[in-house]
Amino acid sequence: MPSKIFLMSGHTSSGNLKKLDKRAVSEAENKNVLVLHMSSDDSKKLAVKKKFFNEYFRKAGAEQVDFLERDDTRNPEEYFQKAGLLYLPGENTKTLIGNIKQKGLDLFISSFPGIISGNSAGAYALCPDYIKLREDSIEIVPAMGIVDFWVKAHYDPKNEFFNSTLSILSQQGKEIYGLQDPAAIIVSKEGAKREIIGNVWRFSKGKRERMG
């Protein structure tokens, strides 16, 4: 079980998650960051993001930044073993979840003893399912279940489709948190404590409650 899990919603390129990412690095037992760099199949986009994340996490205090990619043939175990912080980035959630499961990395993630941080797609991947809401459509994509609740990243509290759909899903036993950028839920070991940062709403048993 990870020592702590950060589920975040925001845009790293805008800098609105810098404080949270610095905190995650500072609280890690060691300052080696491992990025699961597989949330896109666009090689050009991945190359740009790789350079960005290397500089971004070094400025956040990382001593080393490693990347595991979809076509990586290296043994992932040694990279997980030396990492203090595991980072799951945003982009395409279904691609990220699919690549993680195809490479069998979900087993390494669930047993990772350090800190795990996921933003947007990365946060969705850590939930039991990815609740994909687009205008008037909904799709439920099985994820990893590292945490026992669900999140809606980039949540708009004025979006009636979001609110009505999340309320209905919460009546079916799902506890869902809407994260309005920038926001986060930080889960301590074994889920004993949840820290709310930013504007967050909880949907439970058909009702919405503002948490922060």
Protein backbone atom coordinates (compact mmCIF):
# COMPACT_ATOMS: atom_id res chain seq x y z
CA MET A 1 0.00 0.00 0.00
CA PRO A 2 1.38 3.45 -0.91
CA SER A 3 2.33 5.65 2.04
CA LYS A 4 0.30 8.52 0.55
CA ILE A 5 -1.71 9.15 -2.61
CA PHE A 6 -2.26 12.53 -4.27
CA LEU A 7 -5.26 12.70 -6.64
CA MET A 8 -5.14 16.05 -8.39
CA SER A 9 -6.98 18.07 -10.98
CA GLY A 10 -5.30 20.95 -12.78
CA HIS A 11 -2.88 21.84 -15.55
CA THR A 12 0.84 21.39 -14.86
CA SER A 13 1.72 23.56 -17.85
CA SER A 14 -0.02 26.53 -16.22
CA GLY A 15 1.86 26.02 -12.98
CA ASN A 16 -1.24 25.77 -10.81
CA LEU A 17 -0.13 22.43 -9.34
CA LYS A 18 3.49 23.38 -8.58
CA LYS A 19 2.91 23.72 -4.85
CA LEU A 20 1.28 20.29 -4.61
CA ASP A 21 3.92 18.59 -6.74
CA LYS A 22 6.71 20.14 -4.65
CA ARG A 23 4.98 18.88 -1.54
CA ALA A 24 4.72 15.36 -2.97
CA VAL A 25 8.44 15.32 -3.77
CA SER A 26 9.39 16.77 -0.38
CA GLU A 27 7.35 14.14 1.49
CA ALA A 28 8.77 11.21 -0.50
CA GLU A 29 11.28 9.02 1.32
CA ASN A 30 13.74 9.64 -1.48
CA LYS A 31 13.68 12.28 -4.21
CA ASN A 32 13.68 9.96 -7.23
CA VAL A 33 10.59 10.44 -9.39
CA LEU A 34 9.30 7.78 -11.75
CA VAL A 35 6.91 9.06 -14.44
CA LEU A 36 4.63 6.53 -16.16
CA HIS A 37 4.97 8.30 -19.47
CA MET A 38 2.31 6.42 -21.41
CA SER A 39 -0.86 8.51 -21.43
CA SER A 40 -0.58 9.22 -25.16
CA ASP A 41 0.36 7.34 -28.30
CA ASP A 42 1.60 10.51 -30.02
CA SER A 43 5.41 10.23 -30.07
CA LYS A 44 5.97 13.94 -30.76
CA LYS A 45 3.70 14.99 -27.92
CA LEU A 46 5.39 12.50 -25.59
CA ALA A 47 8.84 13.85 -26.46
CA VAL A 48 7.76 17.40 -25.60
CA LYS A 49 6.13 16.26 -22.36
CA LYS A 50 9.17 14.22 -21.37
CA LYS A 51 11.41 17.26 -21.54
CA PHE A 52 8.81 19.30 -19.65
CA PHE A 53 8.41 16.79 -16.80
CA ASN A 54 12.16 16.31 -16.43
CA GLU A 55 12.64 20.05 -15.89
CA TYR A 56 9.41 20.42 -13.91
CA PHE A 57 10.22 17.79 -11.29
CA ARG A 58 13.84 18.81 -10.95
CA LYS A 59 12.64 22.32 -10.12
CA ALA A 60 10.24 20.70 -7.64
CA GLY A 61 13.20 19.12 -5.83
CA ALA A 62 13.66 15.77 -7.55
CA GLU A 63 17.20 14.40 -7.60
CA GLN A 64 16.45 12.06 -10.50
CA VAL A 65 13.56 11.74 -12.95
CA ASP A 66 13.03 8.41 -14.72
CA PHE A 67 10.43 7.55 -17.34
CA LEU A 68 8.71 4.29 -18.18
CA GLU A 69 7.12 4.29 -21.64
CA ARG A 70 4.77 2.02 -23.56
CA ASP A 71 7.48 0.45 -25.72
CA ASP A 72 10.05 0.27 -22.92
CA THR A 73 11.73 -3.15 -22.79
CA ARG A 74 13.59 -2.57 -19.51
CA ASN A 75 12.66 -4.42 -16.34
CA PRO A 76 10.28 -2.03 -14.56
CA GLU A 77 10.92 -3.53 -11.12
CA GLU A 78 14.26 -1.79 -10.57
CA TYR A 79 12.75 1.59 -11.46
CA PHE A 80 9.87 1.13 -9.02
CA GLN A 81 12.29 -0.02 -6.32
CA LYS A 82 14.46 3.09 -6.49
CA ALA A 83 11.61 5.61 -6.83
CA GLY A 84 10.27 7.60 -3.90
CA LEU A 85 7.49 9.20 -5.93
CA LEU A 86 5.47 7.57 -8.70
CA TYR A 87 3.76 10.05 -11.01
CA LEU A 88 0.85 9.34 -13.37
CA PRO A 89 0.33 12.28 -15.74
CA GLY A 90 -2.74 13.61 -17.48
CA GLU A 91 -3.75 13.29 -21.15
CA ASN A 92 -5.76 10.32 -22.50
CA THR A 93 -7.14 8.28 -19.61
CA LYS A 94 -8.12 5.17 -21.57
CA THR A 95 -4.68 5.07 -23.21
CA LEU A 96 -2.95 5.40 -19.83
CA ILE A 97 -5.04 2.67 -18.18
CA GLY A 98 -4.69 0.38 -21.20
CA ASN A 99 -0.91 0.74 -21.37
CA ILE A 100 -0.49 0.22 -17.63
CA LYS A 101 -2.53 -2.99 -17.68
CA GLN A 102 -0.98 -4.28 -20.89
CA LYS A 103 2.49 -3.98 -19.36
CA GLY A 104 1.37 -5.44 -16.03
CA LEU A 105 2.36 -2.30 -14.15
CA ASP A 106 -0.83 -2.28 -12.08
CA LEU A 107 0.74 -4.96 -9.87
CA PHE A 108 3.78 -2.76 -9.22
CA ILE A 109 1.59 0.28 -8.57
CA SER A 110 -0.67 -1.44 -6.02
CA SER A 111 2.34 -2.65 -4.02
CA PHE A 112 4.40 0.55 -4.34
CA PRO A 113 5.41 1.65 -0.81
CA GLY A 114 6.21 5.28 -1.60
CA ILE A 115 4.04 8.22 -2.65
CA ILE A 116 1.81 8.03 -5.72
CA SER A 117 0.65 11.20 -7.44
CA GLY A 118 -1.86 11.27 -10.29
CA ASN A 119 -3.21 14.29 -12.13
CA SER A 120 -6.40 14.22 -14.20
CA ALA A 121 -6.03 11.02 -16.27
CA GLY A 122 -3.52 9.85 -13.69
CA ALA A 123 -6.03 10.41 -10.89
CA TYR A 124 -8.77 8.59 -12.81
CA ALA A 125 -6.47 5.61 -13.31
CA LEU A 126 -6.11 5.22 -9.53
CA CYS A 127 -9.88 4.97 -8.97
CA PRO A 128 -12.02 1.82 -9.26
CA ASP A 129 -13.35 3.16 -12.58
CA TYR A 130 -12.86 6.12 -14.87
CA ILE A 131 -16.17 7.96 -15.12
CA LYS A 132 -15.97 9.56 -18.56
CA LEU A 133 -18.48 12.37 -18.95
CA ARG A 134 -18.76 14.22 -22.25
CA GLU A 135 -21.67 16.63 -22.74
CA ASP A 136 -24.63 14.24 -22.65
CA SER A 137 -22.79 10.89 -22.69
CA ILE A 138 -21.31 8.67 -20.01
CA GLU A 139 -18.87 5.78 -20.16
CA ILE A 140 -17.54 3.70 -17.26
CA VAL A 141 -14.01 2.38 -17.87
CA PRO A 142 -12.53 -0.08 -15.34
CA ALA A 143 -9.37 1.37 -13.75
CA MET A 144 -6.99 0.09 -11.04
CA GLY A 145 -8.84 0.59 -7.76
CA ILE A 146 -5.84 1.86 -5.80
CA VAL A 147 -8.33 4.06 -3.89
CA ASP A 148 -11.88 3.03 -3.01
CA PHE A 149 -13.65 6.16 -4.26
CA TRP A 150 -14.12 7.98 -7.57
CA VAL A 151 -13.13 11.45 -8.79
CA LYS A 152 -14.34 13.80 -11.49
CA ALA A 153 -11.39 15.93 -12.54
CA HIS A 154 -11.91 19.42 -14.05
CA TYR A 155 -15.28 19.52 -12.34
CA ASP A 156 -17.58 22.45 -13.09
CA PRO A 157 -20.02 22.90 -10.18
CA LYS A 158 -22.45 24.74 -12.50
CA ASN A 159 -22.63 21.92 -15.05
CA GLU A 160 -26.08 20.36 -14.53
CA PHE A 161 -25.25 17.25 -16.56
CA PHE A 162 -22.24 16.57 -14.33
CA ASN A 163 -24.28 17.18 -11.18
CA SER A 164 -27.27 15.05 -12.14
CA THR A 165 -25.15 12.19 -13.48
CA LEU A 166 -22.80 12.10 -10.50
CA SER A 167 -25.78 12.24 -8.13
CA ILE A 168 -27.37 9.24 -9.86
CA LEU A 169 -24.12 7.28 -9.80
CA SER A 170 -23.68 8.06 -6.10
CA GLN A 171 -27.10 6.51 -5.45
CA GLN A 172 -25.63 3.27 -6.81
CA GLY A 173 -23.04 3.12 -4.04
CA LYS A 174 -20.27 5.25 -5.54
CA GLU A 175 -18.63 7.96 -3.43
CA ILE A 176 -17.50 10.57 -5.98
CA TYR A 177 -15.46 13.73 -5.51
CA GLY A 178 -15.69 16.59 -8.00
CA LEU A 179 -12.37 18.46 -8.17
CA GLN A 180 -12.54 22.01 -9.50
CA ASP A 181 -9.14 23.10 -10.87
CA PRO A 182 -6.80 23.33 -9.09
CA ALA A 183 -7.75 20.90 -6.35
CA ALA A 184 -6.68 17.63 -4.77
CA ILE A 185 -7.53 14.85 -2.37
CA ILE A 186 -4.59 13.44 -0.44
CA VAL A 187 -5.08 9.98 1.02
CA SER A 188 -2.92 8.73 3.86
CA LYS A 189 -1.80 5.11 4.21
CA GLU A 190 -4.64 2.60 4.14
CA GLY A 191 -7.12 5.40 3.43
CA ALA A 192 -7.39 6.35 7.09
CA LYS A 193 -7.41 10.08 6.38
CA ARG A 194 -8.37 12.26 3.42
CA GLU A 195 -7.06 15.80 3.13
CA ILE A 196 -9.03 18.17 0.89
CA ILE A 197 -7.24 20.97 -0.96
CA GLY A 198 -9.08 23.53 -3.07
CA ASN A 199 -12.70 23.43 -4.20
CA VAL A 200 -14.04 19.89 -3.84
CA TRP A 201 -17.58 18.50 -3.78
CA ARG A 202 -18.60 15.05 -2.59
CA PHE A 203 -21.47 13.09 -4.11
CA SER A 204 -22.82 10.41 -1.79
CA LYS A 205 -26.23 8.67 -1.66
CA GLY A 206 -27.64 11.06 -4.23
CA LYS A 207 -26.61 14.25 -2.43
CA ARG A 208 -23.88 16.81 -3.12
CA GLU A 209 -21.86 18.34 -0.31
CA ARG A 210 -19.10 20.92 -0.55
CA MET A 211 -15.95 19.69 1.20
CA GLY A 212 -13.52 22.53 0.59
